[in-house]
Amino acid sequence: MENTLQSSYGTQSIDTSDLSNFKPFDEVTSEMVQGWVIDAMGEEEVANLEANLDSQIENEKNPTSITKTLDS
């Protein structure tokens, strides 16, 4: 069975029109960034992304089809 890896990547723009709460880079935490991205994307879009990733993982664990080659 051929093992193919699924992935997901993207970018998210963040509103920088109000920098009154600006944090220097060395003070930024993963939790802060995650909160900014969730706020920018919206809860529904985050839930859709998580569901898609969960589905990809489940399909890797329990594939619904197998590709056969002449070698297998």
Protein backbone atom coordinates (compact mmCIF):
# COMPACT_ATOMS: atom_id res chain seq x y z
CA MET A 1 0.00 0.00 0.00
CA GLU A 2 1.32 3.43 -0.93
CA ASN A 3 1.48 5.89 1.96
CA THR A 4 0.64 9.45 0.97
CA LEU A 5 0.79 12.29 3.45
CA GLN A 6 -1.94 14.89 3.56
CA SER A 7 -1.19 18.43 4.60
CA SER A 8 -2.81 21.77 5.00
CA TYR A 9 -1.21 25.18 5.04
CA GLY A 10 -2.23 28.74 4.51
CA THR A 11 -1.85 32.33 5.56
CA GLN A 12 -4.05 34.65 7.54
CA SER A 13 -3.97 38.43 7.44
CA ILE A 14 -4.29 40.18 10.79
CA ASP A 15 -5.81 43.63 11.27
CA THR A 16 -3.00 45.99 12.29
CA SER A 17 -4.98 49.24 12.12
CA ASP A 18 -4.84 49.58 15.93
CA LEU A 19 -1.39 48.90 17.38
CA SER A 20 -2.16 50.27 20.86
CA ASN A 21 -1.58 46.77 22.29
CA PHE A 22 1.59 46.15 20.25
CA LYS A 23 3.85 43.43 21.68
CA PRO A 24 7.54 43.13 20.81
CA PHE A 25 8.26 39.89 18.95
CA ASP A 26 10.18 38.36 21.87
CA GLU A 27 7.06 38.76 24.06
CA VAL A 28 4.64 37.11 21.62
CA THR A 29 3.47 33.63 22.64
CA SER A 30 1.92 30.83 20.59
CA GLU A 31 -1.32 31.32 22.51
CA MET A 32 -1.43 35.01 21.51
CA VAL A 33 -0.91 34.21 17.84
CA GLN A 34 -3.51 31.44 17.96
CA GLY A 35 -6.03 33.87 19.47
CA TRP A 36 -5.31 36.50 16.80
CA VAL A 37 -5.74 33.96 14.01
CA ILE A 38 -8.97 32.56 15.45
CA ASP A 39 -10.33 36.09 15.83
CA ALA A 40 -9.39 36.89 12.21
CA MET A 41 -10.75 33.64 10.77
CA GLY A 42 -13.87 33.35 12.90
CA GLU A 43 -14.95 30.39 14.99
CA GLU A 44 -16.93 28.75 12.15
CA GLU A 45 -14.01 28.77 9.72
CA VAL A 46 -11.68 27.39 12.42
CA ALA A 47 -14.18 24.60 13.13
CA ASN A 48 -14.35 23.79 9.38
CA LEU A 49 -10.55 23.66 9.16
CA GLU A 50 -10.29 21.41 12.21
CA ALA A 51 -12.99 19.08 10.84
CA ASN A 52 -11.14 18.86 7.51
CA LEU A 53 -7.87 18.01 9.26
CA ASP A 54 -9.62 15.42 11.46
CA SER A 55 -11.07 13.86 8.30
CA GLN A 56 -7.65 13.71 6.64
CA ILE A 57 -6.17 12.03 9.72
CA GLU A 58 -9.03 9.51 9.87
CA ASN A 59 -8.58 8.71 6.16
CA GLU A 60 -4.87 8.09 6.75
CA LYS A 61 -5.65 5.75 9.64
CA ASN A 62 -8.52 3.97 7.88
CA PRO A 63 -8.27 4.41 4.11
CA THR A 64 -11.41 3.81 2.07
CA SER A 65 -9.43 2.78 -1.02
CA ILE A 66 -6.05 1.26 -1.80
CA THR A 67 -3.98 1.95 -4.91
CA LYS A 68 -2.56 -1.24 -6.40
CA THR A 69 0.51 -1.17 -8.60
CA LEU A 70 2.13 -3.88 -10.70
CA ASP A 71 4.75 -4.23 -7.95
CA SER A 72 2.25 -4.96 -5.19
